[in-house]
Amino acid sequence: MTDTTSDPPLDTPTIKAKLEELRSEHRDLDEVIDRLVEKPPFDQLQLQRLKKRKLGLKDQIIRLESQLIPDIIA
């Protein structure tokens, strides 16, 4: 298994652009999940995959947001 957390650091404008892209996809997935659940019967496996993808996006968003916060030496 490869470690993707060792990607080279990105500059601030690149991080902000990627964050907006990920947030947009996260919102879109939220809407898709809501529409899917509204109309039973729905595919439980598809719902689980969409939710897992949404959680993965949230993790990426958090990771990028943490790169925007300057390190504070205590």
PDB file of N, CA and C in Angstrom:
ATOM      1  N   MET A   1       0.830  -1.168   0.000  1.00  0.00           N
ATOM      2  CA  MET A   1       0.000   0.000   0.000  1.00  0.00           C
ATOM      3  C   MET A   1       0.878   1.236   0.000  1.00  0.00           C
ATOM      4  N   THR A   2       0.565   2.211  -0.856  1.00  0.00           N
ATOM      5  CA  THR A   2       1.393   3.395  -0.951  1.00  0.00           C
ATOM      6  C   THR A   2       0.877   4.479  -0.039  1.00  0.00           C
ATOM      7  N   ASP A   3       1.790   5.295   0.440  1.00  0.00           N
ATOM      8  CA  ASP A   3       1.448   6.382   1.342  1.00  0.00           C
ATOM      9  C   ASP A   3       1.304   7.666   0.540  1.00  0.00           C
ATOM     10  N   THR A   4       0.070   8.196   0.453  1.00  0.00           N
ATOM     11  CA  THR A   4      -0.168   9.405  -0.320  1.00  0.00           C
ATOM     12  C   THR A   4      -0.035  10.656   0.526  1.00  0.00           C
ATOM     13  N   THR A   5       0.245  10.520   1.814  1.00  0.00           N
ATOM     14  CA  THR A   5       0.379  11.679   2.678  1.00  0.00           C
ATOM     15  C   THR A   5       1.729  12.355   2.518  1.00  0.00           C
ATOM     16  N   SER A   6       2.647  11.799   1.762  1.00  0.00           N
ATOM     17  CA  SER A   6       3.966  12.376   1.588  1.00  0.00           C
ATOM     18  C   SER A   6       4.063  13.168   0.285  1.00  0.00           C
ATOM     19  N   ASP A   7       2.927  13.671  -0.214  1.00  0.00           N
ATOM     20  CA  ASP A   7       2.937  14.506  -1.404  1.00  0.00           C
ATOM     21  C   ASP A   7       3.709  15.784  -1.100  1.00  0.00           C
ATOM     22  N   PRO A   8       4.333  16.390  -2.132  1.00  0.00           N
ATOM     23  CA  PRO A   8       5.065  17.630  -1.884  1.00  0.00           C
ATOM     24  C   PRO A   8       4.106  18.739  -1.445  1.00  0.00           C
ATOM     25  N   PRO A   9       4.568  19.656  -0.605  1.00  0.00           N
ATOM     26  CA  PRO A   9       3.698  20.739  -0.143  1.00  0.00           C
ATOM     27  C   PRO A   9       3.262  21.617  -1.311  1.00  0.00           C
ATOM     28  N   LEU A  10       2.023  22.074  -1.269  1.00  0.00           N
ATOM     29  CA  LEU A  10       1.477  22.912  -2.324  1.00  0.00           C
ATOM     30  C   LEU A  10       1.486  24.362  -1.870  1.00  0.00           C
ATOM     31  N   ASP A  11       1.465  25.290  -2.848  1.00  0.00           N
ATOM     32  CA  ASP A  11       1.384  26.692  -2.479  1.00  0.00           C
ATOM     33  C   ASP A  11      -0.060  27.061  -2.123  1.00  0.00           C
ATOM     34  N   THR A  12      -0.239  28.164  -1.431  1.00  0.00           N
ATOM     35  CA  THR A  12      -1.544  28.556  -0.905  1.00  0.00           C
ATOM     36  C   THR A  12      -2.626  28.669  -1.977  1.00  0.00           C
ATOM     37  N   PRO A  13      -2.388  29.323  -3.121  1.00  0.00           N
ATOM     38  CA  PRO A  13      -3.456  29.405  -4.128  1.00  0.00           C
ATOM     39  C   PRO A  13      -3.873  28.036  -4.671  1.00  0.00           C
ATOM     40  N   THR A  14      -2.920  27.133  -4.802  1.00  0.00           N
ATOM     41  CA  THR A  14      -3.222  25.786  -5.284  1.00  0.00           C
ATOM     42  C   THR A  14      -4.056  25.036  -4.253  1.00  0.00           C
ATOM     43  N   ILE A  15      -3.705  25.179  -2.990  1.00  0.00           N
ATOM     44  CA  ILE A  15      -4.457  24.520  -1.921  1.00  0.00           C
ATOM     45  C   ILE A  15      -5.889  25.050  -1.889  1.00  0.00           C
ATOM     46  N   LYS A  16      -6.044  26.378  -1.984  1.00  0.00           N
ATOM     47  CA  LYS A  16      -7.381  26.974  -1.940  1.00  0.00           C
ATOM     48  C   LYS A  16      -8.232  26.519  -3.122  1.00  0.00           C
ATOM     49  N   ALA A  17      -7.639  26.417  -4.296  1.00  0.00           N
ATOM     50  CA  ALA A  17      -8.372  25.957  -5.475  1.00  0.00           C
ATOM     51  C   ALA A  17      -8.803  24.504  -5.306  1.00  0.00           C
ATOM     52  N   LYS A  18      -7.900  23.678  -4.816  1.00  0.00           N
ATOM     53  CA  LYS A  18      -8.220  22.267  -4.592  1.00  0.00           C
ATOM     54  C   LYS A  18      -9.292  22.126  -3.527  1.00  0.00           C
ATOM     55  N   LEU A  19      -9.215  22.950  -2.467  1.00  0.00           N
ATOM     56  CA  LEU A  19     -10.225  22.916  -1.413  1.00  0.00           C
ATOM     57  C   LEU A  19     -11.606  23.241  -1.981  1.00  0.00           C
ATOM     58  N   GLU A  20     -11.692  24.247  -2.822  1.00  0.00           N
ATOM     59  CA  GLU A  20     -12.987  24.623  -3.400  1.00  0.00           C
ATOM     60  C   GLU A  20     -13.534  23.493  -4.280  1.00  0.00           C
ATOM     61  N   GLU A  21     -12.652  22.860  -5.021  1.00  0.00           N
ATOM     62  CA  GLU A  21     -13.055  21.733  -5.867  1.00  0.00           C
ATOM     63  C   GLU A  21     -13.596  20.575  -5.012  1.00  0.00           C
ATOM     64  N   LEU A  22     -12.884  20.242  -3.935  1.00  0.00           N
ATOM     65  CA  LEU A  22     -13.300  19.150  -3.057  1.00  0.00           C
ATOM     66  C   LEU A  22     -14.601  19.484  -2.326  1.00  0.00           C
ATOM     67  N   ARG A  23     -14.727  20.733  -1.882  1.00  0.00           N
ATOM     68  CA  ARG A  23     -15.960  21.137  -1.197  1.00  0.00           C
ATOM     69  C   ARG A  23     -17.162  21.059  -2.130  1.00  0.00           C
ATOM     70  N   SER A  24     -16.957  21.452  -3.367  1.00  0.00           N
ATOM     71  CA  SER A  24     -18.031  21.386  -4.352  1.00  0.00           C
ATOM     72  C   SER A  24     -18.463  19.939  -4.593  1.00  0.00           C
ATOM     73  N   GLU A  25     -17.488  19.064  -4.743  1.00  0.00           N
ATOM     74  CA  GLU A  25     -17.804  17.638  -4.936  1.00  0.00           C
ATOM     75  C   GLU A  25     -18.504  17.067  -3.702  1.00  0.00           C
ATOM     76  N   HIS A  26     -18.072  17.491  -2.518  1.00  0.00           N
ATOM     77  CA  HIS A  26     -18.680  17.036  -1.265  1.00  0.00           C
ATOM     78  C   HIS A  26     -20.153  17.460  -1.207  1.00  0.00           C
ATOM     79  N   ARG A  27     -20.447  18.721  -1.573  1.00  0.00           N
ATOM     80  CA  ARG A  27     -21.831  19.209  -1.607  1.00  0.00           C
ATOM     81  C   ARG A  27     -22.663  18.434  -2.624  1.00  0.00           C
ATOM     82  N   ASP A  28     -22.070  18.188  -3.789  1.00  0.00           N
ATOM     83  CA  ASP A  28     -22.777  17.438  -4.829  1.00  0.00           C
ATOM     84  C   ASP A  28     -23.129  16.031  -4.352  1.00  0.00           C
ATOM     85  N   LEU A  29     -22.182  15.378  -3.697  1.00  0.00           N
ATOM     86  CA  LEU A  29     -22.439  14.041  -3.170  1.00  0.00           C
ATOM     87  C   LEU A  29     -23.533  14.069  -2.111  1.00  0.00           C
ATOM     88  N   ASP A  30     -23.531  15.111  -1.303  1.00  0.00           N
ATOM     89  CA  ASP A  30     -24.571  15.255  -0.280  1.00  0.00           C
ATOM     90  C   ASP A  30     -25.953  15.334  -0.933  1.00  0.00           C
ATOM     91  N   GLU A  31     -26.065  16.088  -2.007  1.00  0.00           N
ATOM     92  CA  GLU A  31     -27.334  16.210  -2.723  1.00  0.00           C
ATOM     93  C   GLU A  31     -27.744  14.881  -3.358  1.00  0.00           C
ATOM     94  N   VAL A  32     -26.784  14.182  -3.939  1.00  0.00           N
ATOM     95  CA  VAL A  32     -27.075  12.883  -4.562  1.00  0.00           C
ATOM     96  C   VAL A  32     -27.572  11.892  -3.515  1.00  0.00           C
ATOM     97  N   ILE A  33     -26.912  11.883  -2.362  1.00  0.00           N
ATOM     98  CA  ILE A  33     -27.314  10.972  -1.276  1.00  0.00           C
ATOM     99  C   ILE A  33     -28.728  11.312  -0.809  1.00  0.00           C
ATOM    100  N   ASP A  34     -29.011  12.602  -0.631  1.00  0.00           N
ATOM    101  CA  ASP A  34     -30.353  13.009  -0.200  1.00  0.00           C
ATOM    102  C   ASP A  34     -31.421  12.573  -1.199  1.00  0.00           C
ATOM    103  N   ARG A  35     -31.151  12.768  -2.493  1.00  0.00           N
ATOM    104  CA  ARG A  35     -32.125  12.362  -3.527  1.00  0.00           C
ATOM    105  C   ARG A  35     -32.307  10.851  -3.559  1.00  0.00           C
ATOM    106  N   LEU A  36     -31.224  10.121  -3.363  1.00  0.00           N
ATOM    107  CA  LEU A  36     -31.289   8.664  -3.396  1.00  0.00           C
ATOM    108  C   LEU A  36     -32.156   8.141  -2.253  1.00  0.00           C
ATOM    109  N   VAL A  37     -32.003   8.713  -1.076  1.00  0.00           N
ATOM    110  CA  VAL A  37     -32.728   8.252   0.113  1.00  0.00           C
ATOM    111  C   VAL A  37     -34.214   8.636   0.037  1.00  0.00           C
ATOM    112  N   GLU A  38     -34.522   9.705  -0.680  1.00  0.00           N
ATOM    113  CA  GLU A  38     -35.906  10.167  -0.777  1.00  0.00           C
ATOM    114  C   GLU A  38     -36.814   9.190  -1.517  1.00  0.00           C
ATOM    115  N   LYS A  39     -36.255   8.383  -2.380  1.00  0.00           N
ATOM    116  CA  LYS A  39     -37.064   7.526  -3.240  1.00  0.00           C
ATOM    117  C   LYS A  39     -36.790   6.051  -2.973  1.00  0.00           C
ATOM    118  N   PRO A  40     -37.404   5.503  -1.915  1.00  0.00           N
ATOM    119  CA  PRO A  40     -37.223   4.075  -1.650  1.00  0.00           C
ATOM    120  C   PRO A  40     -37.949   3.251  -2.701  1.00  0.00           C
ATOM    121  N   PRO A  41     -37.578   2.069  -2.983  1.00  0.00           N
ATOM    122  CA  PRO A  41     -36.379   1.422  -2.433  1.00  0.00           C
ATOM    123  C   PRO A  41     -35.130   1.949  -3.132  1.00  0.00           C
ATOM    124  N   PHE A  42     -34.054   2.043  -2.377  1.00  0.00           N
ATOM    125  CA  PHE A  42     -32.789   2.504  -2.939  1.00  0.00           C
ATOM    126  C   PHE A  42     -31.723   1.437  -2.729  1.00  0.00           C
ATOM    127  N   ASP A  43     -30.684   1.542  -3.526  1.00  0.00           N
ATOM    128  CA  ASP A  43     -29.583   0.582  -3.499  1.00  0.00           C
ATOM    129  C   ASP A  43     -28.685   0.880  -2.297  1.00  0.00           C
ATOM    130  N   GLN A  44     -28.748   0.030  -1.292  1.00  0.00           N
ATOM    131  CA  GLN A  44     -27.981   0.235  -0.059  1.00  0.00           C
ATOM    132  C   GLN A  44     -26.476   0.240  -0.328  1.00  0.00           C
ATOM    133  N   LEU A  45     -26.018  -0.609  -1.228  1.00  0.00           N
ATOM    134  CA  LEU A  45     -24.594  -0.669  -1.548  1.00  0.00           C
ATOM    135  C   LEU A  45     -24.129   0.637  -2.193  1.00  0.00           C
ATOM    136  N   GLN A  46     -24.931   1.161  -3.112  1.00  0.00           N
ATOM    137  CA  GLN A  46     -24.597   2.433  -3.749  1.00  0.00           C
ATOM    138  C   GLN A  46     -24.548   3.545  -2.708  1.00  0.00           C
ATOM    139  N   LEU A  47     -25.504   3.543  -1.788  1.00  0.00           N
ATOM    140  CA  LEU A  47     -25.541   4.554  -0.732  1.00  0.00           C
ATOM    141  C   LEU A  47     -24.280   4.478   0.125  1.00  0.00           C
ATOM    142  N   GLN A  48     -23.869   3.276   0.500  1.00  0.00           N
ATOM    143  CA  GLN A  48     -22.656   3.103   1.304  1.00  0.00           C
ATOM    144  C   GLN A  48     -21.425   3.607   0.563  1.00  0.00           C
ATOM    145  N   ARG A  49     -21.347   3.332  -0.738  1.00  0.00           N
ATOM    146  CA  ARG A  49     -20.196   3.788  -1.527  1.00  0.00           C
ATOM    147  C   ARG A  49     -20.153   5.306  -1.616  1.00  0.00           C
ATOM    148  N   LEU A  50     -21.312   5.918  -1.814  1.00  0.00           N
ATOM    149  CA  LEU A  50     -21.372   7.373  -1.888  1.00  0.00           C
ATOM    150  C   LEU A  50     -20.959   8.004  -0.556  1.00  0.00           C
ATOM    151  N   LYS A  51     -21.436   7.431   0.538  1.00  0.00           N
ATOM    152  CA  LYS A  51     -21.079   7.957   1.863  1.00  0.00           C
ATOM    153  C   LYS A  51     -19.586   7.776   2.140  1.00  0.00           C
ATOM    154  N   LYS A  52     -19.032   6.653   1.716  1.00  0.00           N
ATOM    155  CA  LYS A  52     -17.606   6.414   1.918  1.00  0.00           C
ATOM    156  C   LYS A  52     -16.777   7.420   1.108  1.00  0.00           C
ATOM    157  N   ARG A  53     -17.216   7.690  -0.111  1.00  0.00           N
ATOM    158  CA  ARG A  53     -16.535   8.682  -0.949  1.00  0.00           C
ATOM    159  C   ARG A  53     -16.620  10.070  -0.298  1.00  0.00           C
ATOM    160  N   LYS A  54     -17.791  10.382   0.244  1.00  0.00           N
ATOM    161  CA  LYS A  54     -18.000  11.673   0.901  1.00  0.00           C
ATOM    162  C   LYS A  54     -17.067  11.818   2.113  1.00  0.00           C
ATOM    163  N   LEU A  55     -16.924  10.759   2.908  1.00  0.00           N
ATOM    164  CA  LEU A  55     -16.012  10.792   4.051  1.00  0.00           C
ATOM    165  C   LEU A  55     -14.557  10.964   3.609  1.00  0.00           C
ATOM    166  N   GLY A  56     -14.209  10.304   2.503  1.00  0.00           N
ATOM    167  CA  GLY A  56     -12.857  10.452   1.965  1.00  0.00           C
ATOM    168  C   GLY A  56     -12.578  11.881   1.536  1.00  0.00           C
ATOM    169  N   LEU A  57     -13.577  12.515   0.925  1.00  0.00           N
ATOM    170  CA  LEU A  57     -13.426  13.910   0.526  1.00  0.00           C
ATOM    171  C   LEU A  57     -13.254  14.803   1.752  1.00  0.00           C
ATOM    172  N   LYS A  58     -14.042  14.523   2.786  1.00  0.00           N
ATOM    173  CA  LYS A  58     -13.946  15.315   4.018  1.00  0.00           C
ATOM    174  C   LYS A  58     -12.542  15.191   4.621  1.00  0.00           C
ATOM    175  N   ASP A  59     -11.978  13.991   4.610  1.00  0.00           N
ATOM    176  CA  ASP A  59     -10.620  13.785   5.113  1.00  0.00           C
ATOM    177  C   ASP A  59      -9.609  14.611   4.305  1.00  0.00           C
ATOM    178  N   GLN A  60      -9.758  14.615   2.977  1.00  0.00           N
ATOM    179  CA  GLN A  60      -8.861  15.394   2.129  1.00  0.00           C
ATOM    180  C   GLN A  60      -9.000  16.884   2.407  1.00  0.00           C
ATOM    181  N   ILE A  61     -10.236  17.338   2.616  1.00  0.00           N
ATOM    182  CA  ILE A  61     -10.482  18.750   2.915  1.00  0.00           C
ATOM    183  C   ILE A  61      -9.788  19.133   4.217  1.00  0.00           C
ATOM    184  N   ILE A  62      -9.953  18.314   5.234  1.00  0.00           N
ATOM    185  CA  ILE A  62      -9.324  18.593   6.532  1.00  0.00           C
ATOM    186  C   ILE A  62      -7.807  18.626   6.407  1.00  0.00           C
ATOM    187  N   ARG A  63      -7.261  17.681   5.646  1.00  0.00           N
ATOM    188  CA  ARG A  63      -5.808  17.630   5.467  1.00  0.00           C
ATOM    189  C   ARG A  63      -5.294  18.897   4.777  1.00  0.00           C
ATOM    190  N   LEU A  64      -6.005  19.357   3.745  1.00  0.00           N
ATOM    191  CA  LEU A  64      -5.579  20.565   3.040  1.00  0.00           C
ATOM    192  C   LEU A  64      -5.760  21.813   3.905  1.00  0.00           C
ATOM    193  N   GLU A  65      -6.864  21.866   4.659  1.00  0.00           N
ATOM    194  CA  GLU A  65      -7.078  23.007   5.546  1.00  0.00           C
ATOM    195  C   GLU A  65      -5.967  23.113   6.580  1.00  0.00           C
ATOM    196  N   SER A  66      -5.484  21.985   7.048  1.00  0.00           N
ATOM    197  CA  SER A  66      -4.405  22.007   8.049  1.00  0.00           C
ATOM    198  C   SER A  66      -3.099  22.540   7.448  1.00  0.00           C
ATOM    199  N   GLN A  67      -2.937  22.411   6.131  1.00  0.00           N
ATOM    200  CA  GLN A  67      -1.745  22.951   5.483  1.00  0.00           C
ATOM    201  C   GLN A  67      -1.798  24.470   5.397  1.00  0.00           C
ATOM    202  N   LEU A  68      -3.003  25.045   5.470  1.00  0.00           N
ATOM    203  CA  LEU A  68      -3.142  26.492   5.405  1.00  0.00           C
ATOM    204  C   LEU A  68      -2.878  27.164   6.750  1.00  0.00           C
ATOM    205  N   ILE A  69      -2.950  26.369   7.826  1.00  0.00           N
ATOM    206  CA  ILE A  69      -2.727  26.905   9.164  1.00  0.00           C
ATOM    207  C   ILE A  69      -1.224  26.917   9.447  1.00  0.00           C
ATOM    208  N   PRO A  70      -0.686  28.081   9.774  1.00  0.00           N
ATOM    209  CA  PRO A  70       0.772  28.146  10.017  1.00  0.00           C
ATOM    210  C   PRO A  70       1.158  27.374  11.272  1.00  0.00           C
ATOM    211  N   ASP A  71       2.325  26.766  11.218  1.00  0.00           N
ATOM    212  CA  ASP A  71       2.842  26.044  12.382  1.00  0.00           C
ATOM    213  C   ASP A  71       3.240  27.059  13.454  1.00  0.00           C
ATOM    214  N   ILE A  72       2.792  26.812  14.672  1.00  0.00           N
ATOM    215  CA  ILE A  72       3.116  27.696  15.787  1.00  0.00           C
ATOM    216  C   ILE A  72       4.025  26.919  16.739  1.00  0.00           C
ATOM    217  N   ILE A  73       5.202  27.460  16.943  1.00  0.00           N
ATOM    218  CA  ILE A  73       6.153  26.817  17.844  1.00  0.00           C
ATOM    219  C   ILE A  73       5.837  27.279  19.263  1.00  0.00           C
ATOM    220  N   ALA A  74       5.565  26.322  20.124  1.00  0.00           N
ATOM    221  CA  ALA A  74       5.192  26.674  21.506  1.00  0.00           C
ATOM    222  C   ALA A  74       6.414  26.884  22.359  1.00  0.00           C
TER     223      ALA A  74
END
